[in-house]
Amino acid sequence: MSEFTENKLNEEALEEVSGGTAQAAVKVKAITPIWVRVTSSSLNCRYTPGGKIAKVYEKGHRLKVDGITADGAWYRLLIYDPRGGTCYAYIAKRYTERI
């Protein structure tokens, strides 16, 4: 069984979920995973920094992040994509606090 079948995604959908070619342009430094809490009333989780919204988290939601963008503005986290499968996504660091 192929990866595409296991994730129930065709190649086109997988490309969209993973952020396509824009994903490769995101420079991320892996960090030891930490937990953060959302401090704003809601926080958009995006497929790429400043890109399409994947999910929205409410104030107080706890998230485990494992990377930070080269500019230090975005955390990277692994999410379950509402369209199926898992992918990396990004949240703005300034709307979170480390817990």
PDB file of N, CA and C in Angstrom:
ATOM      1  N   MET A   1       0.853  -1.185   0.000  1.00  0.00           N
ATOM      2  CA  MET A   1       0.000   0.000   0.000  1.00  0.00           C
ATOM      3  C   MET A   1       0.897   1.246   0.000  1.00  0.00           C
ATOM      4  N   SER A   2       0.613   2.212  -0.832  1.00  0.00           N
ATOM      5  CA  SER A   2       1.448   3.409  -0.927  1.00  0.00           C
ATOM      6  C   SER A   2       1.124   4.401   0.189  1.00  0.00           C
ATOM      7  N   GLU A   3       2.035   5.352   0.375  1.00  0.00           N
ATOM      8  CA  GLU A   3       1.815   6.405   1.376  1.00  0.00           C
ATOM      9  C   GLU A   3       0.544   7.184   1.070  1.00  0.00           C
ATOM     10  N   PHE A   4       0.290   7.423  -0.215  1.00  0.00           N
ATOM     11  CA  PHE A   4      -0.876   8.212  -0.590  1.00  0.00           C
ATOM     12  C   PHE A   4      -2.164   7.491  -0.221  1.00  0.00           C
ATOM     13  N   THR A   5      -2.191   6.181  -0.403  1.00  0.00           N
ATOM     14  CA  THR A   5      -3.371   5.395  -0.074  1.00  0.00           C
ATOM     15  C   THR A   5      -3.575   5.336   1.428  1.00  0.00           C
ATOM     16  N   GLU A   6      -2.497   5.126   2.189  1.00  0.00           N
ATOM     17  CA  GLU A   6      -2.597   5.043   3.645  1.00  0.00           C
ATOM     18  C   GLU A   6      -3.135   6.338   4.234  1.00  0.00           C
ATOM     19  N   ASN A   7      -2.726   7.476   3.701  1.00  0.00           N
ATOM     20  CA  ASN A   7      -3.187   8.769   4.190  1.00  0.00           C
ATOM     21  C   ASN A   7      -4.517   9.190   3.576  1.00  0.00           C
ATOM     22  N   LYS A   8      -5.000   8.384   2.631  1.00  0.00           N
ATOM     23  CA  LYS A   8      -6.251   8.667   1.938  1.00  0.00           C
ATOM     24  C   LYS A   8      -6.199  10.002   1.199  1.00  0.00           C
ATOM     25  N   LEU A   9      -5.021  10.313   0.658  1.00  0.00           N
ATOM     26  CA  LEU A   9      -4.835  11.538  -0.105  1.00  0.00           C
ATOM     27  C   LEU A   9      -4.237  11.198  -1.454  1.00  0.00           C
ATOM     28  N   ASN A  10      -4.672  11.893  -2.500  1.00  0.00           N
ATOM     29  CA  ASN A  10      -3.997  11.729  -3.782  1.00  0.00           C
ATOM     30  C   ASN A  10      -2.797  12.671  -3.808  1.00  0.00           C
ATOM     31  N   GLU A  11      -1.965  12.592  -4.841  1.00  0.00           N
ATOM     32  CA  GLU A  11      -0.755  13.410  -4.897  1.00  0.00           C
ATOM     33  C   GLU A  11      -1.067  14.904  -4.835  1.00  0.00           C
ATOM     34  N   GLU A  12      -2.104  15.336  -5.520  1.00  0.00           N
ATOM     35  CA  GLU A  12      -2.465  16.753  -5.528  1.00  0.00           C
ATOM     36  C   GLU A  12      -2.851  17.229  -4.124  1.00  0.00           C
ATOM     37  N   ALA A  13      -3.658  16.448  -3.430  1.00  0.00           N
ATOM     38  CA  ALA A  13      -4.071  16.813  -2.068  1.00  0.00           C
ATOM     39  C   ALA A  13      -2.887  16.797  -1.121  1.00  0.00           C
ATOM     40  N   LEU A  14      -1.992  15.826  -1.274  1.00  0.00           N
ATOM     41  CA  LEU A  14      -0.822  15.751  -0.407  1.00  0.00           C
ATOM     42  C   LEU A  14       0.067  16.966  -0.602  1.00  0.00           C
ATOM     43  N   GLU A  15       0.221  17.411  -1.831  1.00  0.00           N
ATOM     44  CA  GLU A  15       1.023  18.601  -2.119  1.00  0.00           C
ATOM     45  C   GLU A  15       0.421  19.822  -1.433  1.00  0.00           C
ATOM     46  N   GLU A  16      -0.895  19.942  -1.463  1.00  0.00           N
ATOM     47  CA  GLU A  16      -1.573  21.074  -0.834  1.00  0.00           C
ATOM     48  C   GLU A  16      -1.427  21.016   0.684  1.00  0.00           C
ATOM     49  N   VAL A  17      -1.582  19.836   1.278  1.00  0.00           N
ATOM     50  CA  VAL A  17      -1.481  19.678   2.728  1.00  0.00           C
ATOM     51  C   VAL A  17      -0.087  20.001   3.226  1.00  0.00           C
ATOM     52  N   SER A  18       0.934  19.574   2.506  1.00  0.00           N
ATOM     53  CA  SER A  18       2.303  19.781   2.959  1.00  0.00           C
ATOM     54  C   SER A  18       2.826  21.176   2.660  1.00  0.00           C
ATOM     55  N   GLY A  19       2.019  21.991   2.032  1.00  0.00           N
ATOM     56  CA  GLY A  19       2.406  23.368   1.760  1.00  0.00           C
ATOM     57  C   GLY A  19       3.022  23.555   0.390  1.00  0.00           C
ATOM     58  N   GLY A  20       3.128  22.504  -0.384  1.00  0.00           N
ATOM     59  CA  GLY A  20       3.670  22.607  -1.738  1.00  0.00           C
ATOM     60  C   GLY A  20       5.097  23.113  -1.749  1.00  0.00           C
ATOM     61  N   THR A  21       5.470  23.810  -2.787  1.00  0.00           N
ATOM     62  CA  THR A  21       6.845  24.278  -2.916  1.00  0.00           C
ATOM     63  C   THR A  21       7.156  25.384  -1.920  1.00  0.00           C
ATOM     64  N   ALA A  22       6.158  26.098  -1.458  1.00  0.00           N
ATOM     65  CA  ALA A  22       6.405  27.149  -0.470  1.00  0.00           C
ATOM     66  C   ALA A  22       6.961  26.564   0.824  1.00  0.00           C
ATOM     67  N   GLN A  23       6.576  25.346   1.159  1.00  0.00           N
ATOM     68  CA  GLN A  23       7.053  24.703   2.376  1.00  0.00           C
ATOM     69  C   GLN A  23       8.579  24.631   2.385  1.00  0.00           C
ATOM     70  N   ALA A  24       9.185  24.343   1.236  1.00  0.00           N
ATOM     71  CA  ALA A  24      10.630  24.216   1.155  1.00  0.00           C
ATOM     72  C   ALA A  24      11.314  25.544   1.449  1.00  0.00           C
ATOM     73  N   ALA A  25      10.637  26.659   1.216  1.00  0.00           N
ATOM     74  CA  ALA A  25      11.215  27.975   1.451  1.00  0.00           C
ATOM     75  C   ALA A  25      11.213  28.361   2.922  1.00  0.00           C
ATOM     76  N   VAL A  26      10.490  27.651   3.757  1.00  0.00           N
ATOM     77  CA  VAL A  26      10.418  27.961   5.176  1.00  0.00           C
ATOM     78  C   VAL A  26      11.642  27.373   5.865  1.00  0.00           C
ATOM     79  N   LYS A  27      12.485  28.239   6.410  1.00  0.00           N
ATOM     80  CA  LYS A  27      13.677  27.781   7.121  1.00  0.00           C
ATOM     81  C   LYS A  27      13.322  27.634   8.597  1.00  0.00           C
ATOM     82  N   VAL A  28      13.424  26.398   9.082  1.00  0.00           N
ATOM     83  CA  VAL A  28      13.022  26.094  10.453  1.00  0.00           C
ATOM     84  C   VAL A  28      14.173  25.423  11.187  1.00  0.00           C
ATOM     85  N   LYS A  29      14.398  25.864  12.410  1.00  0.00           N
ATOM     86  CA  LYS A  29      15.388  25.225  13.270  1.00  0.00           C
ATOM     87  C   LYS A  29      14.629  24.297  14.214  1.00  0.00           C
ATOM     88  N   ALA A  30      15.011  23.024  14.226  1.00  0.00           N
ATOM     89  CA  ALA A  30      14.386  22.083  15.151  1.00  0.00           C
ATOM     90  C   ALA A  30      14.793  22.451  16.577  1.00  0.00           C
ATOM     91  N   ILE A  31      13.834  22.358  17.497  1.00  0.00           N
ATOM     92  CA  ILE A  31      14.105  22.622  18.906  1.00  0.00           C
ATOM     93  C   ILE A  31      13.613  21.430  19.716  1.00  0.00           C
ATOM     94  N   THR A  32      14.102  21.309  20.942  1.00  0.00           N
ATOM     95  CA  THR A  32      13.557  20.309  21.839  1.00  0.00           C
ATOM     96  C   THR A  32      12.085  20.659  22.035  1.00  0.00           C
ATOM     97  N   PRO A  33      11.184  19.713  21.832  1.00  0.00           N
ATOM     98  CA  PRO A  33       9.757  20.040  21.945  1.00  0.00           C
ATOM     99  C   PRO A  33       9.398  20.713  23.275  1.00  0.00           C
ATOM    100  N   ILE A  34       8.589  21.750  23.181  1.00  0.00           N
ATOM    101  CA  ILE A  34       8.103  22.474  24.357  1.00  0.00           C
ATOM    102  C   ILE A  34       6.598  22.649  24.230  1.00  0.00           C
ATOM    103  N   TRP A  35       5.958  22.923  25.360  1.00  0.00           N
ATOM    104  CA  TRP A  35       4.524  23.215  25.369  1.00  0.00           C
ATOM    105  C   TRP A  35       4.332  24.715  25.463  1.00  0.00           C
ATOM    106  N   VAL A  36       3.392  25.226  24.694  1.00  0.00           N
ATOM    107  CA  VAL A  36       3.018  26.636  24.751  1.00  0.00           C
ATOM    108  C   VAL A  36       1.507  26.731  24.906  1.00  0.00           C
ATOM    109  N   ARG A  37       1.055  27.880  25.414  1.00  0.00           N
ATOM    110  CA  ARG A  37      -0.380  28.126  25.589  1.00  0.00           C
ATOM    111  C   ARG A  37      -0.760  29.348  24.761  1.00  0.00           C
ATOM    112  N   VAL A  38      -1.918  29.297  24.130  1.00  0.00           N
ATOM    113  CA  VAL A  38      -2.436  30.411  23.333  1.00  0.00           C
ATOM    114  C   VAL A  38      -2.855  31.527  24.283  1.00  0.00           C
ATOM    115  N   THR A  39      -2.338  32.753  24.042  1.00  0.00           N
ATOM    116  CA  THR A  39      -2.653  33.890  24.911  1.00  0.00           C
ATOM    117  C   THR A  39      -3.650  34.864  24.281  1.00  0.00           C
ATOM    118  N   SER A  40      -3.861  34.789  22.986  1.00  0.00           N
ATOM    119  CA  SER A  40      -4.846  35.659  22.333  1.00  0.00           C
ATOM    120  C   SER A  40      -6.215  34.990  22.369  1.00  0.00           C
ATOM    121  N   SER A  41      -7.259  35.725  22.037  1.00  0.00           N
ATOM    122  CA  SER A  41      -8.609  35.147  22.079  1.00  0.00           C
ATOM    123  C   SER A  41      -8.746  33.969  21.120  1.00  0.00           C
ATOM    124  N   SER A  42      -8.037  34.024  19.999  1.00  0.00           N
ATOM    125  CA  SER A  42      -7.957  32.892  19.077  1.00  0.00           C
ATOM    126  C   SER A  42      -6.638  33.008  18.322  1.00  0.00           C
ATOM    127  N   LEU A  43      -6.165  31.892  17.808  1.00  0.00           N
ATOM    128  CA  LEU A  43      -4.883  31.864  17.116  1.00  0.00           C
ATOM    129  C   LEU A  43      -5.007  31.015  15.861  1.00  0.00           C
ATOM    130  N   ASN A  44      -4.688  31.614  14.728  1.00  0.00           N
ATOM    131  CA  ASN A  44      -4.716  30.881  13.464  1.00  0.00           C
ATOM    132  C   ASN A  44      -3.475  30.021  13.335  1.00  0.00           C
ATOM    133  N   CYS A  45      -3.674  28.770  13.012  1.00  0.00           N
ATOM    134  CA  CYS A  45      -2.597  27.834  12.725  1.00  0.00           C
ATOM    135  C   CYS A  45      -2.557  27.723  11.207  1.00  0.00           C
ATOM    136  N   ARG A  46      -1.398  27.976  10.614  1.00  0.00           N
ATOM    137  CA  ARG A  46      -1.306  28.092   9.161  1.00  0.00           C
ATOM    138  C   ARG A  46      -0.385  27.031   8.554  1.00  0.00           C
ATOM    139  N   TYR A  47      -0.667  26.658   7.298  1.00  0.00           N
ATOM    140  CA  TYR A  47       0.163  25.672   6.606  1.00  0.00           C
ATOM    141  C   TYR A  47       1.583  26.184   6.394  1.00  0.00           C
ATOM    142  N   THR A  48       1.738  27.462   6.151  1.00  0.00           N
ATOM    143  CA  THR A  48       3.041  28.115   6.055  1.00  0.00           C
ATOM    144  C   THR A  48       2.909  29.443   6.790  1.00  0.00           C
ATOM    145  N   PRO A  49       4.009  30.010   7.277  1.00  0.00           N
ATOM    146  CA  PRO A  49       3.905  31.305   7.951  1.00  0.00           C
ATOM    147  C   PRO A  49       3.209  32.332   7.065  1.00  0.00           C
ATOM    148  N   GLY A  50       2.131  32.904   7.566  1.00  0.00           N
ATOM    149  CA  GLY A  50       1.357  33.884   6.812  1.00  0.00           C
ATOM    150  C   GLY A  50       0.498  33.284   5.709  1.00  0.00           C
ATOM    151  N   GLY A  51       0.472  31.960   5.609  1.00  0.00           N
ATOM    152  CA  GLY A  51      -0.264  31.281   4.537  1.00  0.00           C
ATOM    153  C   GLY A  51      -1.693  30.936   4.919  1.00  0.00           C
ATOM    154  N   LYS A  52      -2.243  29.969   4.202  1.00  0.00           N
ATOM    155  CA  LYS A  52      -3.628  29.528   4.372  1.00  0.00           C
ATOM    156  C   LYS A  52      -3.851  28.944   5.768  1.00  0.00           C
ATOM    157  N   ILE A  53      -4.993  29.255   6.365  1.00  0.00           N
ATOM    158  CA  ILE A  53      -5.322  28.786   7.717  1.00  0.00           C
ATOM    159  C   ILE A  53      -5.697  27.310   7.684  1.00  0.00           C
ATOM    160  N   ALA A  54      -5.062  26.536   8.568  1.00  0.00           N
ATOM    161  CA  ALA A  54      -5.354  25.110   8.693  1.00  0.00           C
ATOM    162  C   ALA A  54      -6.346  24.854   9.825  1.00  0.00           C
ATOM    163  N   LYS A  55      -6.163  25.548  10.940  1.00  0.00           N
ATOM    164  CA  LYS A  55      -7.007  25.387  12.126  1.00  0.00           C
ATOM    165  C   LYS A  55      -7.008  26.689  12.902  1.00  0.00           C
ATOM    166  N   VAL A  56      -7.934  26.795  13.841  1.00  0.00           N
ATOM    167  CA  VAL A  56      -7.968  27.942  14.752  1.00  0.00           C
ATOM    168  C   VAL A  56      -8.031  27.388  16.167  1.00  0.00           C
ATOM    169  N   TYR A  57      -7.148  27.892  17.030  1.00  0.00           N
ATOM    170  CA  TYR A  57      -7.122  27.477  18.434  1.00  0.00           C
ATOM    171  C   TYR A  57      -7.618  28.619  19.311  1.00  0.00           C
ATOM    172  N   GLU A  58      -8.326  28.285  20.366  1.00  0.00           N
ATOM    173  CA  GLU A  58      -8.875  29.281  21.287  1.00  0.00           C
ATOM    174  C   GLU A  58      -7.893  29.580  22.422  1.00  0.00           C
ATOM    175  N   LYS A  59      -8.112  30.703  23.114  1.00  0.00           N
ATOM    176  CA  LYS A  59      -7.274  31.112  24.235  1.00  0.00           C
ATOM    177  C   LYS A  59      -7.182  29.981  25.264  1.00  0.00           C
ATOM    178  N   GLY A  60      -5.964  29.736  25.744  1.00  0.00           N
ATOM    179  CA  GLY A  60      -5.736  28.718  26.746  1.00  0.00           C
ATOM    180  C   GLY A  60      -5.377  27.353  26.182  1.00  0.00           C
ATOM    181  N   HIS A  61      -5.585  27.145  24.885  1.00  0.00           N
ATOM    182  CA  HIS A  61      -5.269  25.851  24.266  1.00  0.00           C
ATOM    183  C   HIS A  61      -3.767  25.598  24.375  1.00  0.00           C
ATOM    184  N   ARG A  62      -3.391  24.368  24.747  1.00  0.00           N
ATOM    185  CA  ARG A  62      -1.986  23.983  24.866  1.00  0.00           C
ATOM    186  C   ARG A  62      -1.539  23.267  23.600  1.00  0.00           C
ATOM    187  N   LEU A  63      -0.353  23.626  23.119  1.00  0.00           N
ATOM    188  CA  LEU A  63       0.191  23.038  21.895  1.00  0.00           C
ATOM    189  C   LEU A  63       1.650  22.661  22.109  1.00  0.00           C
ATOM    190  N   LYS A  64       2.062  21.569  21.508  1.00  0.00           N
ATOM    191  CA  LYS A  64       3.448  21.125  21.586  1.00  0.00           C
ATOM    192  C   LYS A  64       4.148  21.527  20.290  1.00  0.00           C
ATOM    193  N   VAL A  65       5.193  22.340  20.404  1.00  0.00           N
ATOM    194  CA  VAL A  65       5.926  22.815  19.238  1.00  0.00           C
ATOM    195  C   VAL A  65       7.313  22.181  19.209  1.00  0.00           C
ATOM    196  N   ASP A  66       7.853  21.996  17.995  1.00  0.00           N
ATOM    197  CA  ASP A  66       9.157  21.340  17.877  1.00  0.00           C
ATOM    198  C   ASP A  66      10.120  22.058  16.947  1.00  0.00           C
ATOM    199  N   GLY A  67       9.765  23.276  16.542  1.00  0.00           N
ATOM    200  CA  GLY A  67      10.644  24.042  15.666  1.00  0.00           C
ATOM    201  C   GLY A  67      10.288  25.510  15.708  1.00  0.00           C
ATOM    202  N   ILE A  68      11.229  26.336  15.261  1.00  0.00           N
ATOM    203  CA  ILE A  68      11.010  27.775  15.201  1.00  0.00           C
ATOM    204  C   ILE A  68      11.612  28.282  13.894  1.00  0.00           C
ATOM    205  N   THR A  69      10.939  29.216  13.245  1.00  0.00           N
ATOM    206  CA  THR A  69      11.442  29.738  11.976  1.00  0.00           C
ATOM    207  C   THR A  69      12.724  30.530  12.204  1.00  0.00           C
ATOM    208  N   ALA A  70      13.503  30.673  11.154  1.00  0.00           N
ATOM    209  CA  ALA A  70      14.792  31.356  11.237  1.00  0.00           C
ATOM    210  C   ALA A  70      14.653  32.784  11.773  1.00  0.00           C
ATOM    211  N   ASP A  71      13.527  33.443  11.494  1.00  0.00           N
ATOM    212  CA  ASP A  71      13.328  34.813  11.987  1.00  0.00           C
ATOM    213  C   ASP A  71      12.798  34.853  13.417  1.00  0.00           C
ATOM    214  N   GLY A  72      12.486  33.686  13.991  1.00  0.00           N
ATOM    215  CA  GLY A  72      12.027  33.594  15.384  1.00  0.00           C
ATOM    216  C   GLY A  72      10.573  33.995  15.588  1.00  0.00           C
ATOM    217  N   ALA A  73       9.824  34.218  14.526  1.00  0.00           N
ATOM    218  CA  ALA A  73       8.449  34.716  14.649  1.00  0.00           C
ATOM    219  C   ALA A  73       7.391  33.618  14.697  1.00  0.00           C
ATOM    220  N   TRP A  74       7.702  32.418  14.211  1.00  0.00           N
ATOM    221  CA  TRP A  74       6.710  31.349  14.094  1.00  0.00           C
ATOM    222  C   TRP A  74       7.227  30.063  14.716  1.00  0.00           C
ATOM    223  N   TYR A  75       6.326  29.382  15.445  1.00  0.00           N
ATOM    224  CA  TYR A  75       6.606  28.040  15.929  1.00  0.00           C
ATOM    225  C   TYR A  75       6.068  27.030  14.923  1.00  0.00           C
ATOM    226  N   ARG A  76       6.751  25.899  14.820  1.00  0.00           N
ATOM    227  CA  ARG A  76       6.267  24.797  13.980  1.00  0.00           C
ATOM    228  C   ARG A  76       5.692  23.715  14.876  1.00  0.00           C
ATOM    229  N   LEU A  77       4.591  23.111  14.441  1.00  0.00           N
ATOM    230  CA  LEU A  77       3.997  22.004  15.170  1.00  0.00           C
ATOM    231  C   LEU A  77       3.402  21.009  14.191  1.00  0.00           C
ATOM    232  N   LEU A  78       3.237  19.791  14.640  1.00  0.00           N
ATOM    233  CA  LEU A  78       2.621  18.749  13.833  1.00  0.00           C
ATOM    234  C   LEU A  78       1.138  18.732  14.183  1.00  0.00           C
ATOM    235  N   ILE A  79       0.289  18.796  13.155  1.00  0.00           N
ATOM    236  CA  ILE A  79      -1.157  18.808  13.393  1.00  0.00           C
ATOM    237  C   ILE A  79      -1.824  17.687  12.612  1.00  0.00           C
ATOM    238  N   TYR A  80      -3.015  17.329  13.047  1.00  0.00           N
ATOM    239  CA  TYR A  80      -3.879  16.478  12.248  1.00  0.00           C
ATOM    240  C   TYR A  80      -4.646  17.417  11.336  1.00  0.00           C
ATOM    241  N   ASP A  81      -4.453  17.269  10.058  1.00  0.00           N
ATOM    242  CA  ASP A  81      -5.094  18.141   9.083  1.00  0.00           C
ATOM    243  C   ASP A  81      -6.562  17.765   8.949  1.00  0.00           C
ATOM    244  N   PRO A  82      -7.480  18.739   9.021  1.00  0.00           N
ATOM    245  CA  PRO A  82      -8.905  18.443   8.870  1.00  0.00           C
ATOM    246  C   PRO A  82      -9.246  17.742   7.554  1.00  0.00           C
ATOM    247  N   ARG A  83      -8.390  17.892   6.544  1.00  0.00           N
ATOM    248  CA  ARG A  83      -8.636  17.247   5.248  1.00  0.00           C
ATOM    249  C   ARG A  83      -8.083  15.824   5.217  1.00  0.00           C
ATOM    250  N   GLY A  84      -7.415  15.402   6.285  1.00  0.00           N
ATOM    251  CA  GLY A  84      -6.874  14.045   6.360  1.00  0.00           C
ATOM    252  C   GLY A  84      -5.373  14.044   6.525  1.00  0.00           C
ATOM    253  N   GLY A  85      -4.864  13.119   7.336  1.00  0.00           N
ATOM    254  CA  GLY A  85      -3.422  12.984   7.537  1.00  0.00           C
ATOM    255  C   GLY A  85      -2.858  13.996   8.510  1.00  0.00           C
ATOM    256  N   THR A  86      -1.557  13.993   8.622  1.00  0.00           N
ATOM    257  CA  THR A  86      -0.869  14.946   9.481  1.00  0.00           C
ATOM    258  C   THR A  86       0.082  15.777   8.637  1.00  0.00           C
ATOM    259  N   CYS A  87       0.407  16.955   9.130  1.00  0.00           N
ATOM    260  CA  CYS A  87       1.355  17.816   8.435  1.00  0.00           C
ATOM    261  C   CYS A  87       1.930  18.813   9.430  1.00  0.00           C
ATOM    262  N   TYR A  88       3.018  19.443   9.051  1.00  0.00           N
ATOM    263  CA  TYR A  88       3.546  20.537   9.853  1.00  0.00           C
ATOM    264  C   TYR A  88       2.742  21.786   9.567  1.00  0.00           C
ATOM    265  N   ALA A  89       2.573  22.603  10.582  1.00  0.00           N
ATOM    266  CA  ALA A  89       1.886  23.877  10.450  1.00  0.00           C
ATOM    267  C   ALA A  89       2.598  24.876  11.358  1.00  0.00           C
ATOM    268  N   TYR A  90       2.171  26.108  11.321  1.00  0.00           N
ATOM    269  CA  TYR A  90       2.875  27.180  12.021  1.00  0.00           C
ATOM    270  C   TYR A  90       1.910  28.068  12.791  1.00  0.00           C
ATOM    271  N   ILE A  91       2.364  28.526  13.971  1.00  0.00           N
ATOM    272  CA  ILE A  91       1.607  29.487  14.771  1.00  0.00           C
ATOM    273  C   ILE A  91       2.526  30.658  15.101  1.00  0.00           C
ATOM    274  N   ALA A  92       1.966  31.851  15.179  1.00  0.00           N
ATOM    275  CA  ALA A  92       2.749  33.049  15.505  1.00  0.00           C
ATOM    276  C   ALA A  92       3.172  32.973  16.973  1.00  0.00           C
ATOM    277  N   LYS A  93       4.464  33.032  17.206  1.00  0.00           N
ATOM    278  CA  LYS A  93       5.032  32.917  18.552  1.00  0.00           C
ATOM    279  C   LYS A  93       4.509  34.013  19.489  1.00  0.00           C
ATOM    280  N   ARG A  94       4.304  35.220  18.976  1.00  0.00           N
ATOM    281  CA  ARG A  94       3.926  36.348  19.823  1.00  0.00           C
ATOM    282  C   ARG A  94       2.571  36.180  20.507  1.00  0.00           C
ATOM    283  N   TYR A  95       1.756  35.237  20.033  1.00  0.00           N
ATOM    284  CA  TYR A  95       0.436  34.995  20.635  1.00  0.00           C
ATOM    285  C   TYR A  95       0.431  33.768  21.537  1.00  0.00           C
ATOM    286  N   THR A  96       1.607  33.386  22.016  1.00  0.00           N
ATOM    287  CA  THR A  96       1.728  32.223  22.898  1.00  0.00           C
ATOM    288  C   THR A  96       2.635  32.541  24.074  1.00  0.00           C
ATOM    289  N   GLU A  97       2.562  31.684  25.087  1.00  0.00           N
ATOM    290  CA  GLU A  97       3.512  31.752  26.196  1.00  0.00           C
ATOM    291  C   GLU A  97       3.968  30.335  26.497  1.00  0.00           C
ATOM    292  N   ARG A  98       5.218  30.209  26.880  1.00  0.00           N
ATOM    293  CA  ARG A  98       5.769  28.892  27.211  1.00  0.00           C
ATOM    294  C   ARG A  98       5.218  28.451  28.557  1.00  0.00           C
ATOM    295  N   ILE A  99       4.863  27.172  28.659  1.00  0.00           N
ATOM    296  CA  ILE A  99       4.354  26.651  29.934  1.00  0.00           C
ATOM    297  C   ILE A  99       5.189  25.469  30.385  1.00  0.00           C
TER     298      ILE A  99
END
